[in-house]
Protein backbone atom coordinates (compact mmCIF):
# COMPACT_ATOMS: atom_id res chain seq x y z
CA GLY A 1 19.47 -28.68 -13.26
CA ASP A 2 16.01 -30.22 -12.79
CA VAL A 3 14.63 -27.29 -10.75
CA VAL A 4 12.38 -24.91 -12.70
CA PHE A 5 10.61 -21.95 -11.11
CA TYR A 6 8.22 -19.56 -12.83
CA THR A 7 5.85 -16.77 -11.86
CA GLY A 8 2.66 -15.17 -13.13
CA ASN A 9 0.98 -12.09 -11.72
CA TRP A 10 -0.82 -13.87 -8.88
CA TYR A 11 0.80 -17.30 -8.70
CA ALA A 12 4.08 -19.20 -8.95
CA ALA A 13 5.01 -22.81 -9.63
CA VAL A 14 8.04 -25.04 -9.14
CA SER A 15 9.19 -28.22 -10.85
CA VAL A 16 11.84 -30.59 -9.46
CA ASP A 17 11.77 -33.01 -12.41
CA GLY A 18 12.94 -30.79 -15.25
CA GLY A 19 9.50 -29.40 -16.06
CA GLN A 20 7.61 -32.69 -16.38
CA SER A 21 5.32 -31.64 -13.53
CA PHE A 22 4.75 -28.43 -11.55
CA LYS A 23 3.50 -27.64 -8.06
CA TYR A 24 1.48 -24.46 -7.49
CA ILE A 25 2.89 -21.96 -4.98
CA ASP A 26 0.83 -19.21 -3.37
CA PRO A 27 2.96 -16.03 -2.99
CA ASN A 28 0.86 -15.16 0.06
CA SER A 29 2.75 -17.95 1.80
CA MET A 30 5.75 -15.59 1.94
CA ALA A 31 3.88 -13.33 4.39
CA GLN A 32 5.77 -12.85 7.65
CA PRO A 33 4.35 -12.86 11.20
CA THR A 34 5.87 -9.41 11.76
CA ASP A 35 4.21 -7.82 8.69
CA PRO A 36 2.20 -4.71 9.63
CA ALA A 37 -1.53 -4.66 8.94
CA GLY A 38 -2.25 -4.09 5.27
CA VAL A 39 1.10 -5.42 4.06
CA VAL A 40 -0.03 -8.22 1.77
CA PHE A 41 1.04 -9.66 -1.57
CA CYS A 42 -0.24 -7.86 -4.64
CA CYS A 43 0.41 -9.18 -8.08
CA ASP A 44 3.85 -8.22 -9.48
CA GLN A 45 6.46 -10.97 -9.45
CA VAL A 46 9.84 -11.76 -11.04
CA VAL A 47 12.18 -14.72 -10.57
CA ASN A 48 15.83 -15.07 -11.55
CA TYR A 49 18.79 -17.35 -10.84
CA MET A 50 22.31 -16.45 -9.68
CA PRO A 51 24.56 -19.29 -10.88
CA SER A 52 27.76 -18.09 -9.19
CA ILE A 53 26.18 -18.64 -5.76
CA ASP A 54 23.63 -21.30 -6.85
CA MET A 55 20.69 -19.29 -5.59
CA PHE A 56 17.23 -18.40 -6.85
CA VAL A 57 15.84 -14.93 -6.14
CA TRP A 58 12.07 -14.41 -6.14
CA LEU A 59 10.73 -10.85 -6.04
CA MET A 60 7.16 -10.18 -4.90
CA GLN A 61 5.40 -6.84 -4.57
CA TYR A 62 3.88 -6.49 -1.12
CA GLY A 63 2.15 -3.75 0.76
CA PRO A 64 -0.85 -1.48 1.02
CA PRO A 65 -2.39 -0.16 -2.24
CA THR A 66 -0.87 3.28 -1.72
CA GLY A 67 2.29 4.50 -0.05
CA ASN A 68 5.12 2.81 1.86
CA ASN A 69 4.86 -0.64 0.34
CA ILE A 70 7.72 -3.12 -0.02
CA GLN A 71 9.39 -5.20 -2.69
CA ARG A 72 10.00 -8.55 -0.98
CA LEU A 73 13.01 -10.61 -2.07
CA ALA A 74 13.13 -14.32 -1.23
CA PHE A 75 16.39 -16.25 -1.62
CA ALA A 76 16.91 -20.02 -1.76
CA LYS A 77 19.61 -22.45 -2.82
CA THR A 78 18.52 -24.99 -5.43
CA ASP A 79 18.06 -27.75 -2.86
CA ASP A 80 16.10 -25.39 -0.62
CA VAL A 81 13.76 -24.44 -3.48
CA LYS A 82 12.80 -28.12 -3.64
CA SER A 83 11.70 -28.06 0.00
CA GLY A 84 10.30 -24.51 -0.02
CA LYS A 85 12.86 -23.01 2.37
CA TRP A 86 13.33 -19.32 1.54
CA SER A 87 15.10 -16.43 3.30
CA ILE A 88 13.35 -13.05 3.18
CA PHE A 89 14.81 -9.56 2.63
CA ASP A 90 12.55 -6.53 2.13
CA ILE A 91 13.30 -3.45 0.05
CA SER A 92 11.26 -0.74 1.77
CA THR A 93 10.59 2.86 0.76
CA ASN A 94 12.67 3.99 3.75
CA LEU A 95 15.57 1.81 2.60
CA VAL A 96 15.40 3.39 -0.86
CA GLY A 97 15.09 6.85 0.70
CA ILE A 98 11.60 7.67 -0.60
CA PRO A 99 9.27 7.47 2.43
CA GLY A 100 5.61 7.86 1.56
CA PHE A 101 6.09 6.62 -2.02
CA PHE A 102 4.53 3.57 -3.67
CA MET A 103 6.91 1.18 -5.49
CA ASP A 104 5.55 -0.64 -8.55
CA PHE A 105 6.46 -2.62 -11.69
CA PRO A 106 9.67 -4.26 -10.35
CA ASP A 107 12.29 -6.23 -12.25
CA LEU A 108 15.51 -8.15 -11.57
CA ALA A 109 18.81 -8.52 -13.42
CA VAL A 110 21.90 -10.53 -12.47
CA GLY A 111 25.41 -9.19 -13.10
CA ALA A 112 28.82 -10.71 -12.53
CA ASN A 113 28.93 -9.89 -8.82
CA CYS A 114 25.70 -8.04 -8.06
CA LEU A 115 21.93 -8.41 -8.18
CA TYR A 116 19.96 -5.44 -9.47
CA MET A 117 16.33 -4.59 -8.70
CA THR A 118 14.43 -1.81 -10.45
CA THR A 119 11.12 -0.28 -9.45
CA ASN A 120 8.96 2.70 -10.35
CA CYS A 121 8.30 5.20 -7.56
CA PHE A 122 4.96 7.03 -7.29
CA GLY A 123 4.89 10.04 -5.00
CA PRO A 124 2.24 10.77 -2.36
CA ASP A 125 1.30 13.95 -4.26
CA GLY A 126 -0.17 11.85 -7.05
CA LYS A 127 2.03 13.58 -9.62
CA THR A 128 5.66 12.64 -9.00
CA VAL A 129 6.85 9.52 -10.82
CA GLY A 130 10.45 8.34 -10.64
CA SER A 131 12.46 5.15 -10.85
CA ALA A 132 15.03 3.43 -8.65
CA VAL A 133 17.82 0.90 -9.08
CA VAL A 134 18.94 -1.13 -6.06
CA ARG A 135 22.30 -2.94 -6.19
CA ILE A 136 23.01 -5.88 -3.87
CA PRO A 137 26.44 -7.62 -3.90
CA LEU A 138 26.09 -11.38 -4.37
CA THR A 139 28.59 -12.02 -1.57
CA SER A 140 26.29 -10.26 0.89
CA ILE A 141 23.37 -12.41 -0.29
CA ALA A 142 25.41 -15.58 0.11
CA SER A 143 26.39 -14.56 3.65
CA GLY A 144 22.74 -14.02 4.59
CA SER A 145 23.13 -10.28 5.21
CA PRO A 146 22.23 -8.39 2.01
CA MET A 147 23.76 -4.93 1.61
CA VAL A 148 22.15 -2.24 -0.55
CA ASP A 149 23.37 0.57 -2.79
CA LYS A 150 20.69 2.67 -4.49
CA PHE A 151 20.17 5.17 -7.27
CA VAL A 152 16.92 7.14 -7.57
CA ALA A 153 15.86 9.49 -10.37
CA MET A 154 12.69 11.56 -10.16
CA ASP A 155 12.83 12.80 -13.76
CA LEU A 156 12.70 9.36 -15.42
CA ALA A 157 10.53 6.26 -15.09
CA SER A 158 10.69 2.53 -15.76
CA PHE A 159 14.40 1.76 -15.59
CA ARG A 160 15.41 -1.66 -16.87
CA VAL A 161 18.84 -3.11 -16.08
CA ALA A 162 20.27 -5.17 -18.93
CA GLN A 163 20.55 -8.90 -18.35
CA ASN A 164 24.06 -10.40 -18.79
CA CYS A 165 25.49 -7.03 -17.75
CA GLY A 166 28.77 -8.35 -16.29
CA THR A 167 30.69 -5.97 -14.03
CA THR A 168 28.87 -2.84 -15.25
CA ALA A 169 25.12 -2.41 -14.92
CA TYR A 170 23.55 -0.72 -17.92
CA PHE A 171 20.03 0.62 -17.65
CA ALA A 172 17.88 3.05 -19.58
CA ALA A 173 14.64 5.01 -19.68
CA HIS A 174 12.94 7.21 -22.27
CA ARG A 175 13.79 10.88 -21.81
CA ASP A 176 11.40 11.73 -24.63
CA THR A 177 10.12 10.12 -27.83
CA SER A 178 13.46 10.51 -29.61
CA THR A 179 15.98 10.26 -26.76
CA LEU A 180 17.06 7.35 -24.58
CA ALA A 181 18.81 8.12 -21.30
CA VAL A 182 21.38 5.31 -20.94
CA PHE A 183 23.14 4.80 -17.61
CA SER A 184 26.26 2.80 -16.75
CA TRP A 185 27.05 1.77 -13.16
CA PRO A 186 30.38 -0.05 -12.71
CA GLU A 187 30.54 -2.28 -9.65
CA ASN A 188 33.44 -0.26 -8.21
CA GLN A 189 31.61 3.08 -8.40
CA ALA A 190 29.17 4.51 -5.87
CA SER A 191 26.83 6.00 -8.47
CA PRO A 192 26.10 5.70 -12.19
CA SER A 193 26.80 8.08 -15.05
CA SER A 194 24.48 8.72 -17.99
CA LYS A 195 24.50 9.61 -21.65
CA ASP A 196 21.61 10.68 -23.86
CA VAL A 197 21.34 8.57 -27.00
CA PRO A 198 19.18 9.65 -29.96
CA VAL A 199 16.74 7.04 -31.29
CA ALA A 200 14.19 6.97 -34.09
CA ARG A 201 11.11 8.90 -33.01
CA TRP A 202 8.22 6.71 -31.86
CA MET A 203 4.55 7.25 -31.09
CA GLY A 204 4.29 8.56 -27.57
CA THR A 205 0.68 7.80 -26.67
CA SER A 206 -1.42 4.72 -26.12
CA GLY A 207 -3.43 3.27 -28.95
CA TYR A 208 -1.15 0.56 -30.26
CA ILE A 209 -3.49 -1.59 -32.32
CA SER A 210 -2.82 -4.94 -33.94
CA ARG A 211 -5.58 -7.41 -34.80
CA THR A 212 -5.24 -11.17 -35.04
CA PRO A 213 -6.97 -12.99 -37.93
CA ASP A 214 -10.01 -13.61 -35.68
CA GLY A 215 -10.25 -9.93 -34.73
CA ARG A 216 -8.63 -9.92 -31.30
CA ARG A 217 -6.77 -6.73 -30.34
CA TRP A 218 -3.79 -8.15 -28.46
CA LEU A 219 -1.81 -4.89 -28.11
CA ASP A 220 -4.41 -2.77 -26.35
CA ARG A 221 -2.52 -2.79 -23.04
CA ALA A 222 0.85 -1.95 -24.57
CA ASP A 223 2.41 1.30 -23.39
CA THR A 224 5.65 3.23 -23.75
CA ARG A 225 7.65 1.64 -20.93
CA ILE A 226 10.87 -0.26 -21.56
CA THR A 227 10.10 -3.82 -20.53
CA GLY A 228 13.26 -5.69 -21.51
CA ALA A 229 17.01 -5.10 -21.76
CA THR A 230 20.11 -7.18 -22.39
CA VAL A 231 23.75 -7.02 -23.38
CA ALA A 232 24.45 -8.86 -26.64
CA GLY A 233 28.18 -8.92 -27.34
CA THR A 234 29.23 -5.26 -27.53
CA GLU A 235 25.66 -4.01 -28.01
CA LEU A 236 22.94 -2.89 -25.61
CA TRP A 237 19.41 -3.91 -26.56
CA PHE A 238 16.30 -2.29 -25.07
CA ALA A 239 12.72 -3.36 -25.88
């Protein structure tokens, strides 16, 4: 309808008149009185909408700069977004089963009956890097008591669940520079299965350079992570 919500790294904004005007929102306002010392908002945000239950979901990365942080989910019906009334549910490292880790670079995807959150997982040893997918049934969100299923892989990083995924969540990560590990997770199964898919070999290091006509190098921060995914008809697309 007329409610529009968007996020940047450090800010968010909402419109209740179809985008004609926006009101700034400070993500720090989602801090809770019970938050431990050092658990504060830091910079990664994603917003999505779940039409079947008419609810926005707003994901914010909270926590200390290293170890045992949280991915904070805020839920609100369309009318509640207008008045700023959100319910909070935290995805903690203990909930995911990786105590001591640091979760980073989160994303959201909405399926037919489930919400999916992905996050990278950095180990306390400074070397281990994995990725996790958290599945939350929409019915549990609508009831106010979210329930969580999880899948964690410590040999892959930067999972992205495909948008428009229906009743099966598809997600992928690079196994190497010529192989994509593609997972499928049907809603009625406890865990996903995977298949390695060969792809055209790509450059596996940083140094992606493209200059604009005035000399600006706009690709300098590009890296090898998958940053987008969707189902298009009978095809899976990963970017």
